[in-house]
Amino acid sequence: MNNEKQLLKFQTFQQLHKRPYTFVLPNAWDVISAKIFEKNGFPAIATTSAGIAMSLGYNDGEKIPFEQMLEAVKRIINSVNIPVSVDLESGYGRSTNEVVDNTRQIILAGGIGINLEDGTGDLDSPILDVSLQVEKISEIRLLSKSLKAPLFINARTDLYWLNTGNPDLRLQEAINRGKAYQKAGADCIFIPGLYDMESIKKVRQELSCPINLLSGPNLPSINTLSQVGIERLSTGSAPFRATATLLQRITEDILCDNNFQRLMNDNMSYDAITELIGTPE
């Protein structure tokens, strides 16, 4: 861990949340996706747990062993010069201590931020008790201070994403959780699945910290979100799924139509990708 380099990356990432307009944070799943995002001008990237897991043969939801996820994350971090925030899902651990230890490994690997969600993956109890999530966030904040390594904590609540609980109370519950997570040490509150404009405005009015939303077909435009004061917009697994979709269509073209046009049309050259990858340091 290079403390000085990591501090500069953290400060760059932190400043992105203070701009007067919404910034888009793309989610990478491997070295080539990370490098393409960097080369084309994104000032920071995050990882996608779904993209990493599925590209390695696992389903999303912490089905991939943490060690394999960490190895993929290290490769991504070491391949780019811009800040990388890591999708840690719910922490890859049953206890707070396990989650803190996993976060320590992310920090030591060079990650300057994490995404930590309160979804449990348990159908009977899909959302973690708020006090337990607050404990995780508080302990992670203490870890960051003890290592003297700043960490941008993006605390995610899955109330809307999982469509769980009483719909009439969901918005207020999300706001209450956001306030509790911020008080515990979170820098930003992430509410994927929140698309309604009036609800977005209400969240913006109630929370004093940066807000992160997830891109989707029903989400208002970036310009509209900027006007409301939403700081961050994540792509999630959409770029990974779009890439898989293109491969699916190429496969269908070849097998069904004996057509290579989509495969050959306007591709990056071999040399261009070789140059993009560069020489390992």
Protein backbone atom coordinates (compact mmCIF):
# COMPACT_ATOMS: atom_id res chain seq x y z
CA MET A 1 0.00 0.00 0.00
CA ASN A 2 1.38 3.38 -1.08
CA ASN A 3 -0.16 5.77 1.44
CA GLU A 4 0.71 8.98 -0.42
CA LYS A 5 -0.54 7.68 -3.77
CA GLN A 6 -3.67 6.26 -2.15
CA LEU A 7 -4.40 9.57 -0.40
CA LEU A 8 -4.20 11.48 -3.68
CA LYS A 9 -6.57 9.01 -5.34
CA PHE A 10 -8.98 9.25 -2.43
CA GLN A 11 -8.96 13.04 -2.59
CA THR A 12 -9.61 12.93 -6.33
CA PHE A 13 -12.51 10.54 -5.78
CA GLN A 14 -13.92 12.59 -2.93
CA GLN A 15 -13.84 15.77 -5.04
CA LEU A 16 -15.90 14.09 -7.76
CA HIS A 17 -18.78 14.08 -5.27
CA LYS A 18 -18.51 17.85 -4.83
CA ARG A 19 -19.02 18.85 -8.44
CA PRO A 20 -22.10 20.89 -9.39
CA TYR A 21 -23.33 18.10 -11.66
CA THR A 22 -23.89 14.36 -11.49
CA PHE A 23 -20.80 12.32 -12.34
CA VAL A 24 -21.06 8.85 -13.85
CA LEU A 25 -19.07 6.06 -12.22
CA PRO A 26 -18.66 3.08 -14.59
CA ASN A 27 -18.31 -0.41 -13.16
CA ALA A 28 -15.49 -2.59 -14.50
CA TRP A 29 -15.17 -6.36 -14.20
CA ASP A 30 -11.68 -7.01 -15.56
CA VAL A 31 -8.52 -5.27 -16.72
CA ILE A 32 -9.63 -4.56 -20.28
CA SER A 33 -12.93 -2.97 -19.22
CA ALA A 34 -11.12 -0.88 -16.60
CA LYS A 35 -8.53 0.31 -19.11
CA ILE A 36 -11.15 1.19 -21.71
CA PHE A 37 -13.03 3.29 -19.16
CA GLU A 38 -9.80 5.02 -18.13
CA LYS A 39 -8.53 5.61 -21.67
CA ASN A 40 -11.79 7.25 -22.71
CA GLY A 41 -11.75 9.78 -19.91
CA PHE A 42 -13.56 8.48 -16.86
CA PRO A 43 -11.81 10.00 -13.81
CA ALA A 44 -12.59 6.98 -11.59
CA ILE A 45 -14.11 3.53 -11.77
CA ALA A 46 -15.82 1.06 -9.50
CA THR A 47 -16.00 -2.70 -9.78
CA THR A 48 -19.16 -4.70 -10.41
CA SER A 49 -19.59 -7.73 -8.18
CA ALA A 50 -21.94 -9.30 -10.72
CA GLY A 51 -19.56 -8.76 -13.62
CA ILE A 52 -16.55 -10.15 -11.78
CA ALA A 53 -18.44 -13.16 -10.43
CA MET A 54 -20.19 -14.05 -13.68
CA SER A 55 -17.06 -13.64 -15.79
CA LEU A 56 -15.43 -16.22 -13.52
CA GLY A 57 -18.34 -18.66 -13.59
CA TYR A 58 -20.26 -17.69 -10.45
CA ASN A 59 -23.62 -16.05 -9.87
CA ASP A 60 -23.83 -12.70 -8.09
CA GLY A 61 -24.60 -12.48 -4.39
CA GLU A 62 -21.24 -13.44 -2.83
CA LYS A 63 -21.25 -16.85 -4.53
CA ILE A 64 -17.66 -16.27 -5.63
CA PRO A 65 -15.03 -16.98 -2.95
CA PHE A 66 -13.67 -13.74 -1.53
CA GLU A 67 -10.12 -14.70 -2.48
CA GLN A 68 -11.04 -14.91 -6.16
CA MET A 69 -12.93 -11.63 -6.03
CA LEU A 70 -9.97 -9.98 -4.31
CA GLU A 71 -7.55 -11.26 -6.95
CA ALA A 72 -9.72 -9.80 -9.72
CA VAL A 73 -9.94 -6.50 -7.84
CA LYS A 74 -6.16 -6.36 -7.41
CA ARG A 75 -5.66 -6.85 -11.13
CA ILE A 76 -8.07 -4.01 -11.88
CA ILE A 77 -6.52 -1.63 -9.33
CA ASN A 78 -2.99 -2.34 -10.56
CA SER A 79 -3.96 -1.85 -14.21
CA VAL A 80 -5.13 1.78 -13.98
CA ASN A 81 -3.92 5.08 -12.57
CA ILE A 82 -7.34 6.38 -11.55
CA PRO A 83 -9.19 5.74 -8.26
CA VAL A 84 -10.98 2.40 -7.88
CA SER A 85 -13.90 1.80 -5.53
CA VAL A 86 -14.71 -1.84 -4.81
CA ASP A 87 -18.15 -3.45 -4.75
CA LEU A 88 -17.92 -5.45 -1.54
CA GLU A 89 -21.59 -6.49 -1.59
CA SER A 90 -22.52 -7.13 2.07
CA GLY A 91 -18.91 -7.75 3.06
CA TYR A 92 -18.26 -11.42 2.24
CA GLY A 93 -18.45 -12.36 5.91
CA ARG A 94 -20.93 -13.62 8.47
CA SER A 95 -19.57 -11.44 11.26
CA THR A 96 -18.56 -7.80 11.49
CA ASN A 97 -14.99 -8.89 12.18
CA GLU A 98 -14.87 -10.86 8.93
CA VAL A 99 -16.24 -7.90 6.98
CA VAL A 100 -13.68 -5.58 8.57
CA ASP A 101 -10.85 -7.98 7.76
CA ASN A 102 -11.99 -8.23 4.14
CA THR A 103 -12.14 -4.45 3.95
CA ARG A 104 -8.60 -4.29 5.29
CA GLN A 105 -7.46 -6.44 2.38
CA ILE A 106 -9.22 -4.11 -0.07
CA ILE A 107 -7.46 -1.09 1.45
CA LEU A 108 -4.07 -2.83 1.39
CA ALA A 109 -4.68 -3.73 -2.25
CA GLY A 110 -5.08 -0.04 -3.08
CA GLY A 111 -8.85 0.39 -3.08
CA ILE A 112 -9.89 3.91 -2.04
CA GLY A 113 -13.57 3.15 -1.57
CA ILE A 114 -16.07 0.39 -1.02
CA ASN A 115 -19.73 -0.23 -1.71
CA LEU A 116 -21.40 -1.95 1.26
CA GLU A 117 -25.02 -3.08 1.02
CA ASP A 118 -27.60 -4.04 3.63
CA GLY A 119 -29.20 -6.79 1.54
CA THR A 120 -28.70 -10.23 3.08
CA GLY A 121 -29.59 -12.68 0.31
CA ASP A 122 -32.03 -14.31 2.75
CA LEU A 123 -35.57 -14.43 1.35
CA ASP A 124 -37.08 -14.58 4.84
CA SER A 125 -35.09 -11.59 6.09
CA PRO A 126 -33.81 -9.74 3.01
CA ILE A 127 -32.58 -6.57 4.75
CA LEU A 128 -30.07 -6.54 7.60
CA ASP A 129 -31.18 -4.96 10.84
CA VAL A 130 -30.13 -1.32 10.75
CA SER A 131 -28.14 -1.60 14.00
CA LEU A 132 -26.01 -4.42 12.58
CA GLN A 133 -25.30 -2.48 9.38
CA VAL A 134 -24.41 0.59 11.44
CA GLU A 135 -21.97 -1.57 13.41
CA LYS A 136 -20.27 -2.72 10.20
CA ILE A 137 -19.91 0.83 8.91
CA SER A 138 -18.63 2.14 12.25
CA GLU A 139 -16.01 -0.59 12.54
CA ILE A 140 -14.87 -0.07 8.96
CA ARG A 141 -14.48 3.65 9.65
CA LEU A 142 -12.36 2.84 12.70
CA LEU A 143 -10.26 0.48 10.59
CA SER A 144 -9.64 3.19 8.02
CA LYS A 145 -8.48 5.57 10.74
CA SER A 146 -6.24 2.96 12.36
CA LEU A 147 -4.54 2.25 9.03
CA LYS A 148 -4.27 5.99 8.31
CA ALA A 149 -5.74 5.17 4.93
CA PRO A 150 -8.82 7.18 3.93
CA LEU A 151 -11.70 5.10 2.61
CA PHE A 152 -14.81 6.38 0.84
CA ILE A 153 -17.73 4.34 2.17
CA ASN A 154 -20.72 4.12 -0.15
CA ALA A 155 -23.49 2.68 2.02
CA ARG A 156 -26.17 0.98 -0.03
CA THR A 157 -29.69 0.23 1.08
CA ASP A 158 -31.52 -2.42 -0.94
CA LEU A 159 -35.07 -1.55 0.08
CA TYR A 160 -36.01 -0.40 -3.41
CA TRP A 161 -33.78 -2.83 -5.30
CA LEU A 162 -35.38 -5.80 -3.57
CA ASN A 163 -38.82 -4.18 -3.54
CA THR A 164 -39.21 -5.22 0.07
CA GLY A 165 -41.25 -3.96 3.00
CA ASN A 166 -44.33 -1.77 3.05
CA PRO A 167 -44.33 0.38 -0.13
CA ASP A 168 -45.96 3.26 1.76
CA LEU A 169 -43.15 3.26 4.32
CA ARG A 170 -40.24 2.39 2.02
CA LEU A 171 -39.14 5.93 1.23
CA GLN A 172 -39.02 7.02 4.86
CA GLU A 173 -37.24 3.81 5.84
CA ALA A 174 -34.61 4.44 3.14
CA ILE A 175 -34.14 7.98 4.43
CA ASN A 176 -33.87 6.78 8.03
CA ARG A 177 -31.30 4.18 7.07
CA GLY A 178 -29.38 6.75 5.05
CA LYS A 179 -29.17 9.07 8.03
CA ALA A 180 -28.09 6.24 10.33
CA TYR A 181 -25.43 5.06 7.89
CA GLN A 182 -24.10 8.58 7.42
CA LYS A 183 -23.89 9.09 11.18
CA ALA A 184 -21.99 5.80 11.47
CA GLY A 185 -19.35 7.01 9.02
CA ALA A 186 -20.67 6.56 5.48
CA ASP A 187 -19.62 9.20 2.94
CA CYS A 188 -22.39 8.56 0.42
CA ILE A 189 -25.77 6.82 0.37
CA PHE A 190 -26.62 4.49 -2.52
CA ILE A 191 -30.29 3.67 -3.25
CA PRO A 192 -30.48 1.44 -6.35
CA GLY A 193 -33.98 1.02 -7.73
CA LEU A 194 -35.08 4.52 -6.74
CA TYR A 195 -36.40 6.09 -9.96
CA ASP A 196 -39.41 8.23 -9.02
CA MET A 197 -38.53 11.91 -9.34
CA GLU A 198 -40.55 13.11 -6.35
CA SER A 199 -38.99 10.43 -4.14
CA ILE A 200 -35.51 11.36 -5.38
CA LYS A 201 -36.19 15.00 -4.50
CA LYS A 202 -37.38 13.98 -1.03
CA VAL A 203 -34.23 11.95 -0.39
CA ARG A 204 -32.12 14.87 -1.57
CA GLN A 205 -33.91 17.20 0.85
CA GLU A 206 -33.50 14.83 3.79
CA LEU A 207 -29.90 13.66 3.39
CA SER A 208 -26.95 16.01 3.76
CA CYS A 209 -24.35 13.68 2.25
CA PRO A 210 -23.80 12.74 -1.42
CA ILE A 211 -26.38 10.44 -3.01
CA ASN A 212 -25.67 7.63 -5.48
CA LEU A 213 -28.29 6.23 -7.86
CA LEU A 214 -28.16 3.33 -10.32
CA SER A 215 -28.66 3.82 -14.04
CA GLY A 216 -31.78 2.29 -15.50
CA PRO A 217 -34.41 2.80 -18.21
CA ASN A 218 -36.79 4.53 -15.78
CA LEU A 219 -34.24 6.88 -14.22
CA PRO A 220 -34.49 10.61 -15.01
CA SER A 221 -31.80 12.09 -17.27
CA ILE A 222 -28.37 13.06 -16.00
CA ASN A 223 -29.22 16.73 -16.56
CA THR A 224 -32.35 16.38 -14.45
CA LEU A 225 -30.46 14.56 -11.69
CA SER A 226 -27.81 17.30 -11.74
CA GLN A 227 -30.47 19.97 -11.31
CA VAL A 228 -31.88 18.13 -8.30
CA GLY A 229 -28.41 17.77 -6.77
CA ILE A 230 -27.65 14.05 -7.16
CA GLU A 231 -23.89 13.64 -7.04
CA ARG A 232 -23.22 10.17 -8.43
CA LEU A 233 -24.68 7.74 -10.94
CA SER A 234 -23.40 4.16 -11.23
CA THR A 235 -23.71 1.93 -14.29
CA GLY A 236 -23.75 -1.27 -12.22
CA SER A 237 -23.47 -4.49 -14.20
CA ALA A 238 -25.04 -2.96 -17.33
CA PRO A 239 -21.74 -2.59 -19.28
CA PHE A 240 -20.89 -6.23 -18.55
CA ARG A 241 -24.36 -7.36 -19.62
CA ALA A 242 -24.22 -5.18 -22.73
CA THR A 243 -20.91 -6.84 -23.66
CA ALA A 244 -22.40 -10.30 -23.11
CA THR A 245 -25.43 -9.30 -25.19
CA LEU A 246 -23.22 -8.24 -28.09
CA LEU A 247 -21.40 -11.57 -27.96
CA GLN A 248 -24.76 -13.35 -27.95
CA ARG A 249 -25.84 -11.47 -31.08
CA ILE A 250 -22.55 -12.15 -32.83
CA THR A 251 -22.96 -15.84 -32.04
CA GLU A 252 -26.49 -15.85 -33.46
CA ASP A 253 -25.32 -14.04 -36.60
CA ILE A 254 -22.64 -16.64 -37.25
CA LEU A 255 -24.61 -19.76 -36.38
CA CYS A 256 -27.98 -18.76 -37.83
CA ASP A 257 -27.07 -16.52 -40.76
CA ASN A 258 -23.43 -17.35 -41.60
CA ASN A 259 -22.91 -13.61 -41.15
CA PHE A 260 -19.67 -12.12 -39.79
CA GLN A 261 -20.59 -8.48 -40.36
CA ARG A 262 -21.33 -7.60 -36.73
CA LEU A 263 -18.18 -9.44 -35.63
CA MET A 264 -15.94 -7.54 -38.03
CA ASN A 265 -17.71 -4.17 -38.06
CA ASP A 266 -15.66 -1.28 -36.64
CA ASN A 267 -13.61 -3.41 -34.24
CA MET A 268 -10.63 -2.25 -32.22
CA SER A 269 -7.54 -3.61 -33.90
CA TYR A 270 -5.26 -6.21 -32.35
CA ASP A 271 -2.52 -3.59 -32.10
CA ALA A 272 -4.85 -1.07 -30.45
CA ILE A 273 -5.82 -3.52 -27.72
CA THR A 274 -2.20 -4.58 -27.26
CA GLU A 275 -1.25 -0.93 -26.81
CA LEU A 276 -4.14 -0.44 -24.39
CA ILE A 277 -2.97 -3.31 -22.20
CA GLY A 278 0.59 -1.98 -22.23
CA THR A 279 3.68 -3.53 -20.74
CA PRO A 280 3.43 -4.90 -17.18
CA GLU A 281 5.48 -2.88 -14.70
